Amino acid sequence: MLNIVIGGIALMLGLLGLFFLENEKRRFFLGLWAGYALFGIYFNYHISSHDYYSLPLIPIVALSLAPLAEWFFTN
């Protein structure tokens, strides 16, 4: 279902973007990802059967792509 909502490449690059963050910001982003993981544990059936339960992941991935884009455009 995540592949339908955001795509596998965006998800992979969003997770890769976590490595390009400073420690203080990384804690915030890891909190966002952990929050969605807990959401997924609690609503496991709903996430696998309804695509709109994956919508909170879109801004998390978009924010996680920003450090990767910053590194790419500055180098």
PDB file of N, CA and C in Angstrom:
ATOM      1  N   MET A   1       0.826  -1.185   0.000  1.00  0.00           N
ATOM      2  CA  MET A   1       0.000   0.000   0.000  1.00  0.00           C
ATOM      3  C   MET A   1       0.880   1.261   0.000  1.00  0.00           C
ATOM      4  N   LEU A   2       2.033   1.208   0.647  1.00  0.00           N
ATOM      5  CA  LEU A   2       2.925   2.369   0.650  1.00  0.00           C
ATOM      6  C   LEU A   2       3.454   2.662  -0.747  1.00  0.00           C
ATOM      7  N   ASN A   3       3.630   1.633  -1.536  1.00  0.00           N
ATOM      8  CA  ASN A   3       4.092   1.828  -2.905  1.00  0.00           C
ATOM      9  C   ASN A   3       3.050   2.579  -3.724  1.00  0.00           C
ATOM     10  N   ILE A   4       1.787   2.379  -3.442  1.00  0.00           N
ATOM     11  CA  ILE A   4       0.721   3.089  -4.144  1.00  0.00           C
ATOM     12  C   ILE A   4       0.666   4.544  -3.704  1.00  0.00           C
ATOM     13  N   VAL A   5       0.819   4.787  -2.408  1.00  0.00           N
ATOM     14  CA  VAL A   5       0.652   6.129  -1.867  1.00  0.00           C
ATOM     15  C   VAL A   5       1.832   7.032  -2.192  1.00  0.00           C
ATOM     16  N   ILE A   6       3.064   6.592  -1.905  1.00  0.00           N
ATOM     17  CA  ILE A   6       4.214   7.477  -2.130  1.00  0.00           C
ATOM     18  C   ILE A   6       5.267   6.895  -3.058  1.00  0.00           C
ATOM     19  N   GLY A   7       5.300   5.621  -3.237  1.00  0.00           N
ATOM     20  CA  GLY A   7       6.281   5.001  -4.107  1.00  0.00           C
ATOM     21  C   GLY A   7       7.485   4.508  -3.327  1.00  0.00           C
ATOM     22  N   GLY A   8       8.055   3.446  -3.796  1.00  0.00           N
ATOM     23  CA  GLY A   8       9.188   2.835  -3.114  1.00  0.00           C
ATOM     24  C   GLY A   8      10.450   3.670  -3.163  1.00  0.00           C
ATOM     25  N   ILE A   9      10.665   4.349  -4.277  1.00  0.00           N
ATOM     26  CA  ILE A   9      11.876   5.164  -4.414  1.00  0.00           C
ATOM     27  C   ILE A   9      11.821   6.360  -3.474  1.00  0.00           C
ATOM     28  N   ALA A  10      10.676   7.014  -3.385  1.00  0.00           N
ATOM     29  CA  ALA A  10      10.539   8.156  -2.477  1.00  0.00           C
ATOM     30  C   ALA A  10      10.704   7.713  -1.032  1.00  0.00           C
ATOM     31  N   LEU A  11      10.159   6.568  -0.688  1.00  0.00           N
ATOM     32  CA  LEU A  11      10.305   6.046   0.667  1.00  0.00           C
ATOM     33  C   LEU A  11      11.772   5.756   0.980  1.00  0.00           C
ATOM     34  N   MET A  12      12.468   5.127   0.053  1.00  0.00           N
ATOM     35  CA  MET A  12      13.878   4.812   0.245  1.00  0.00           C
ATOM     36  C   MET A  12      14.712   6.088   0.365  1.00  0.00           C
ATOM     37  N   LEU A  13      14.469   7.056  -0.507  1.00  0.00           N
ATOM     38  CA  LEU A  13      15.228   8.309  -0.446  1.00  0.00           C
ATOM     39  C   LEU A  13      14.892   9.104   0.810  1.00  0.00           C
ATOM     40  N   GLY A  14      13.656   9.029   1.274  1.00  0.00           N
ATOM     41  CA  GLY A  14      13.283   9.688   2.519  1.00  0.00           C
ATOM     42  C   GLY A  14      14.034   9.113   3.708  1.00  0.00           C
ATOM     43  N   LEU A  15      14.170   7.802   3.747  1.00  0.00           N
ATOM     44  CA  LEU A  15      14.941   7.177   4.818  1.00  0.00           C
ATOM     45  C   LEU A  15      16.425   7.488   4.680  1.00  0.00           C
ATOM     46  N   LEU A  16      16.915   7.579   3.456  1.00  0.00           N
ATOM     47  CA  LEU A  16      18.309   7.942   3.237  1.00  0.00           C
ATOM     48  C   LEU A  16      18.585   9.373   3.673  1.00  0.00           C
ATOM     49  N   GLY A  17      17.600  10.242   3.537  1.00  0.00           N
ATOM     50  CA  GLY A  17      17.757  11.629   3.940  1.00  0.00           C
ATOM     51  C   GLY A  17      17.999  11.800   5.425  1.00  0.00           C
ATOM     52  N   LEU A  18      17.644  10.814   6.229  1.00  0.00           N
ATOM     53  CA  LEU A  18      17.892  10.895   7.670  1.00  0.00           C
ATOM     54  C   LEU A  18      19.376  10.928   7.991  1.00  0.00           C
ATOM     55  N   PHE A  19      20.203  10.363   7.125  1.00  0.00           N
ATOM     56  CA  PHE A  19      21.639  10.339   7.368  1.00  0.00           C
ATOM     57  C   PHE A  19      22.303  11.678   7.086  1.00  0.00           C
ATOM     58  N   PHE A  20      21.619  12.603   6.442  1.00  0.00           N
ATOM     59  CA  PHE A  20      22.171  13.896   6.094  1.00  0.00           C
ATOM     60  C   PHE A  20      21.730  14.999   7.060  1.00  0.00           C
ATOM     61  N   LEU A  21      21.197  14.612   8.201  1.00  0.00           N
ATOM     62  CA  LEU A  21      20.707  15.577   9.181  1.00  0.00           C
ATOM     63  C   LEU A  21      21.682  15.730  10.339  1.00  0.00           C
ATOM     64  N   GLU A  22      21.583  16.881  11.011  1.00  0.00           N
ATOM     65  CA  GLU A  22      22.330  17.086  12.241  1.00  0.00           C
ATOM     66  C   GLU A  22      21.639  16.324  13.361  1.00  0.00           C
ATOM     67  N   ASN A  23      22.317  16.160  14.483  1.00  0.00           N
ATOM     68  CA  ASN A  23      21.776  15.342  15.574  1.00  0.00           C
ATOM     69  C   ASN A  23      20.456  15.859  16.109  1.00  0.00           C
ATOM     70  N   GLU A  24      20.333  17.176  16.312  1.00  0.00           N
ATOM     71  CA  GLU A  24      19.107  17.715  16.877  1.00  0.00           C
ATOM     72  C   GLU A  24      17.923  17.510  15.940  1.00  0.00           C
ATOM     73  N   LYS A  25      18.131  17.760  14.677  1.00  0.00           N
ATOM     74  CA  LYS A  25      17.053  17.575  13.711  1.00  0.00           C
ATOM     75  C   LYS A  25      16.760  16.092  13.485  1.00  0.00           C
ATOM     76  N   ARG A  26      17.804  15.285  13.560  1.00  0.00           N
ATOM     77  CA  ARG A  26      17.615  13.851  13.341  1.00  0.00           C
ATOM     78  C   ARG A  26      16.691  13.253  14.393  1.00  0.00           C
ATOM     79  N   ARG A  27      16.782  13.724  15.630  1.00  0.00           N
ATOM     80  CA  ARG A  27      15.899  13.221  16.680  1.00  0.00           C
ATOM     81  C   ARG A  27      14.440  13.527  16.372  1.00  0.00           C
ATOM     82  N   PHE A  28      14.188  14.731  15.863  1.00  0.00           N
ATOM     83  CA  PHE A  28      12.816  15.104  15.499  1.00  0.00           C
ATOM     84  C   PHE A  28      12.290  14.215  14.380  1.00  0.00           C
ATOM     85  N   PHE A  29      13.097  14.019  13.349  1.00  0.00           N
ATOM     86  CA  PHE A  29      12.663  13.205  12.213  1.00  0.00           C
ATOM     87  C   PHE A  29      12.497  11.740  12.611  1.00  0.00           C
ATOM     88  N   LEU A  30      13.391  11.233  13.459  1.00  0.00           N
ATOM     89  CA  LEU A  30      13.228   9.858  13.932  1.00  0.00           C
ATOM     90  C   LEU A  30      11.972   9.725  14.777  1.00  0.00           C
ATOM     91  N   GLY A  31      11.611  10.781  15.495  1.00  0.00           N
ATOM     92  CA  GLY A  31      10.353  10.780  16.239  1.00  0.00           C
ATOM     93  C   GLY A  31       9.150  10.718  15.323  1.00  0.00           C
ATOM     94  N   LEU A  32       9.221  11.439  14.203  1.00  0.00           N
ATOM     95  CA  LEU A  32       8.127  11.367  13.227  1.00  0.00           C
ATOM     96  C   LEU A  32       7.995   9.964  12.653  1.00  0.00           C
ATOM     97  N   TRP A  33       9.131   9.375  12.258  1.00  0.00           N
ATOM     98  CA  TRP A  33       9.105   8.030  11.703  1.00  0.00           C
ATOM     99  C   TRP A  33       8.643   7.010  12.744  1.00  0.00           C
ATOM    100  N   ALA A  34       9.097   7.166  13.990  1.00  0.00           N
ATOM    101  CA  ALA A  34       8.684   6.242  15.048  1.00  0.00           C
ATOM    102  C   ALA A  34       7.190   6.403  15.344  1.00  0.00           C
ATOM    103  N   GLY A  35       6.697   7.621  15.293  1.00  0.00           N
ATOM    104  CA  GLY A  35       5.272   7.852  15.494  1.00  0.00           C
ATOM    105  C   GLY A  35       4.444   7.164  14.429  1.00  0.00           C
ATOM    106  N   TYR A  36       4.901   7.237  13.186  1.00  0.00           N
ATOM    107  CA  TYR A  36       4.167   6.542  12.130  1.00  0.00           C
ATOM    108  C   TYR A  36       4.290   5.030  12.288  1.00  0.00           C
ATOM    109  N   ALA A  37       5.435   4.552  12.766  1.00  0.00           N
ATOM    110  CA  ALA A  37       5.587   3.111  12.995  1.00  0.00           C
ATOM    111  C   ALA A  37       4.618   2.630  14.081  1.00  0.00           C
ATOM    112  N   LEU A  38       4.479   3.399  15.159  1.00  0.00           N
ATOM    113  CA  LEU A  38       3.513   3.039  16.199  1.00  0.00           C
ATOM    114  C   LEU A  38       2.083   3.109  15.672  1.00  0.00           C
ATOM    115  N   PHE A  39       1.804   4.100  14.850  1.00  0.00           N
ATOM    116  CA  PHE A  39       0.507   4.212  14.190  1.00  0.00           C
ATOM    117  C   PHE A  39       0.245   2.970  13.340  1.00  0.00           C
ATOM    118  N   GLY A  40       1.288   2.507  12.635  1.00  0.00           N
ATOM    119  CA  GLY A  40       1.164   1.316  11.800  1.00  0.00           C
ATOM    120  C   GLY A  40       0.983   0.040  12.596  1.00  0.00           C
ATOM    121  N   ILE A  41       1.592  -0.013  13.779  1.00  0.00           N
ATOM    122  CA  ILE A  41       1.406  -1.187  14.629  1.00  0.00           C
ATOM    123  C   ILE A  41      -0.028  -1.242  15.160  1.00  0.00           C
ATOM    124  N   TYR A  42      -0.551  -0.089  15.524  1.00  0.00           N
ATOM    125  CA  TYR A  42      -1.895  -0.050  16.085  1.00  0.00           C
ATOM    126  C   TYR A  42      -2.973  -0.258  15.012  1.00  0.00           C
ATOM    127  N   PHE A  43      -2.797   0.355  13.852  1.00  0.00           N
ATOM    128  CA  PHE A  43      -3.771   0.258  12.765  1.00  0.00           C
ATOM    129  C   PHE A  43      -3.234  -0.626  11.631  1.00  0.00           C
ATOM    130  N   ASN A  44      -2.687  -1.771  11.970  1.00  0.00           N
ATOM    131  CA  ASN A  44      -2.035  -2.613  10.967  1.00  0.00           C
ATOM    132  C   ASN A  44      -2.991  -3.093   9.879  1.00  0.00           C
ATOM    133  N   TYR A  45      -4.184  -3.499  10.232  1.00  0.00           N
ATOM    134  CA  TYR A  45      -5.123  -3.956   9.210  1.00  0.00           C
ATOM    135  C   TYR A  45      -5.606  -2.794   8.353  1.00  0.00           C
ATOM    136  N   HIS A  46      -5.859  -1.663   8.962  1.00  0.00           N
ATOM    137  CA  HIS A  46      -6.385  -0.517   8.228  1.00  0.00           C
ATOM    138  C   HIS A  46      -5.363   0.012   7.220  1.00  0.00           C
ATOM    139  N   ILE A  47      -4.096   0.052   7.624  1.00  0.00           N
ATOM    140  CA  ILE A  47      -3.058   0.542   6.711  1.00  0.00           C
ATOM    141  C   ILE A  47      -2.902  -0.402   5.522  1.00  0.00           C
ATOM    142  N   SER A  48      -3.044  -1.696   5.768  1.00  0.00           N
ATOM    143  CA  SER A  48      -2.862  -2.637   4.659  1.00  0.00           C
ATOM    144  C   SER A  48      -4.078  -2.733   3.745  1.00  0.00           C
ATOM    145  N   SER A  49      -5.240  -2.270   4.210  1.00  0.00           N
ATOM    146  CA  SER A  49      -6.426  -2.401   3.376  1.00  0.00           C
ATOM    147  C   SER A  49      -6.971  -1.076   2.837  1.00  0.00           C
ATOM    148  N   HIS A  50      -6.637   0.039   3.449  1.00  0.00           N
ATOM    149  CA  HIS A  50      -7.129   1.347   3.019  1.00  0.00           C
ATOM    150  C   HIS A  50      -5.946   2.278   2.810  1.00  0.00           C
ATOM    151  N   ASP A  51      -5.877   2.888   1.631  1.00  0.00           N
ATOM    152  CA  ASP A  51      -4.716   3.716   1.337  1.00  0.00           C
ATOM    153  C   ASP A  51      -4.716   5.056   2.067  1.00  0.00           C
ATOM    154  N   TYR A  52      -5.850   5.549   2.521  1.00  0.00           N
ATOM    155  CA  TYR A  52      -5.878   6.851   3.172  1.00  0.00           C
ATOM    156  C   TYR A  52      -5.307   6.817   4.586  1.00  0.00           C
ATOM    157  N   TYR A  53      -5.065   5.647   5.157  1.00  0.00           N
ATOM    158  CA  TYR A  53      -4.378   5.569   6.442  1.00  0.00           C
ATOM    159  C   TYR A  53      -2.873   5.788   6.289  1.00  0.00           C
ATOM    160  N   SER A  54      -2.371   5.773   5.080  1.00  0.00           N
ATOM    161  CA  SER A  54      -0.959   6.043   4.831  1.00  0.00           C
ATOM    162  C   SER A  54      -0.690   7.502   4.504  1.00  0.00           C
ATOM    163  N   LEU A  55      -1.717   8.331   4.471  1.00  0.00           N
ATOM    164  CA  LEU A  55      -1.529   9.746   4.148  1.00  0.00           C
ATOM    165  C   LEU A  55      -0.647  10.507   5.126  1.00  0.00           C
ATOM    166  N   PRO A  56      -0.613  10.195   6.436  1.00  0.00           N
ATOM    167  CA  PRO A  56       0.319  10.910   7.314  1.00  0.00           C
ATOM    168  C   PRO A  56       1.785  10.700   6.945  1.00  0.00           C
ATOM    169  N   LEU A  57       2.066   9.674   6.181  1.00  0.00           N
ATOM    170  CA  LEU A  57       3.447   9.407   5.790  1.00  0.00           C
ATOM    171  C   LEU A  57       3.944  10.377   4.720  1.00  0.00           C
ATOM    172  N   ILE A  58       3.053  10.976   3.950  1.00  0.00           N
ATOM    173  CA  ILE A  58       3.459  11.867   2.860  1.00  0.00           C
ATOM    174  C   ILE A  58       4.255  13.066   3.365  1.00  0.00           C
ATOM    175  N   PRO A  59       3.788  13.828   4.361  1.00  0.00           N
ATOM    176  CA  PRO A  59       4.620  14.943   4.840  1.00  0.00           C
ATOM    177  C   PRO A  59       5.895  14.487   5.536  1.00  0.00           C
ATOM    178  N   ILE A  60       5.869  13.312   6.167  1.00  0.00           N
ATOM    179  CA  ILE A  60       7.077  12.804   6.819  1.00  0.00           C
ATOM    180  C   ILE A  60       8.144  12.513   5.776  1.00  0.00           C
ATOM    181  N   VAL A  61       7.765  11.874   4.686  1.00  0.00           N
ATOM    182  CA  VAL A  61       8.722  11.575   3.614  1.00  0.00           C
ATOM    183  C   VAL A  61       9.177  12.858   2.932  1.00  0.00           C
ATOM    184  N   ALA A  62       8.257  13.796   2.728  1.00  0.00           N
ATOM    185  CA  ALA A  62       8.628  15.063   2.081  1.00  0.00           C
ATOM    186  C   ALA A  62       9.644  15.830   2.927  1.00  0.00           C
ATOM    187  N   LEU A  63       9.434  15.870   4.223  1.00  0.00           N
ATOM    188  CA  LEU A  63      10.395  16.539   5.098  1.00  0.00           C
ATOM    189  C   LEU A  63      11.726  15.794   5.141  1.00  0.00           C
ATOM    190  N   SER A  64      11.684  14.480   5.039  1.00  0.00           N
ATOM    191  CA  SER A  64      12.912  13.690   5.066  1.00  0.00           C
ATOM    192  C   SER A  64      13.685  13.786   3.759  1.00  0.00           C
ATOM    193  N   LEU A  65      13.017  14.143   2.676  1.00  0.00           N
ATOM    194  CA  LEU A  65      13.703  14.324   1.399  1.00  0.00           C
ATOM    195  C   LEU A  65      14.455  15.650   1.330  1.00  0.00           C
ATOM    196  N   ALA A  66      14.072  16.615   2.150  1.00  0.00           N
ATOM    197  CA  ALA A  66      14.669  17.947   2.099  1.00  0.00           C
ATOM    198  C   ALA A  66      16.175  17.948   2.365  1.00  0.00           C
ATOM    199  N   PRO A  67      16.704  17.255   3.384  1.00  0.00           N
ATOM    200  CA  PRO A  67      18.160  17.268   3.588  1.00  0.00           C
ATOM    201  C   PRO A  67      18.926  16.626   2.441  1.00  0.00           C
ATOM    202  N   LEU A  68      18.349  15.611   1.847  1.00  0.00           N
ATOM    203  CA  LEU A  68      18.989  14.964   0.702  1.00  0.00           C
ATOM    204  C   LEU A  68      19.022  15.905  -0.491  1.00  0.00           C
ATOM    205  N   ALA A  69      17.944  16.617  -0.717  1.00  0.00           N
ATOM    206  CA  ALA A  69      17.896  17.597  -1.808  1.00  0.00           C
ATOM    207  C   ALA A  69      18.854  18.744  -1.557  1.00  0.00           C
ATOM    208  N   GLU A  70      18.963  19.175  -0.294  1.00  0.00           N
ATOM    209  CA  GLU A  70      19.904  20.254   0.032  1.00  0.00           C
ATOM    210  C   GLU A  70      21.332  19.824  -0.261  1.00  0.00           C
ATOM    211  N   TRP A  71      21.678  18.597   0.133  1.00  0.00           N
ATOM    212  CA  TRP A  71      23.027  18.093  -0.142  1.00  0.00           C
ATOM    213  C   TRP A  71      23.268  17.978  -1.637  1.00  0.00           C
ATOM    214  N   PHE A  72      22.269  17.511  -2.372  1.00  0.00           N
ATOM    215  CA  PHE A  72      22.420  17.313  -3.809  1.00  0.00           C
ATOM    216  C   PHE A  72      22.617  18.638  -4.546  1.00  0.00           C
ATOM    217  N   PHE A  73      21.872  19.673  -4.184  1.00  0.00           N
ATOM    218  CA  PHE A  73      21.948  20.940  -4.893  1.00  0.00           C
ATOM    219  C   PHE A  73      23.104  21.819  -4.446  1.00  0.00           C
ATOM    220  N   THR A  74      23.674  21.564  -3.281  1.00  0.00           N
ATOM    221  CA  THR A  74      24.828  22.369  -2.852  1.00  0.00           C
ATOM    222  C   THR A  74      26.147  21.755  -3.284  1.00  0.00           C
ATOM    223  N   ASN A  75      26.173  20.490  -3.604  1.00  0.00           N
ATOM    224  CA  ASN A  75      27.426  19.842  -4.035  1.00  0.00           C
ATOM    225  C   ASN A  75      27.462  19.603  -5.504  1.00  0.00           C
TER     226      ASN A  75
END
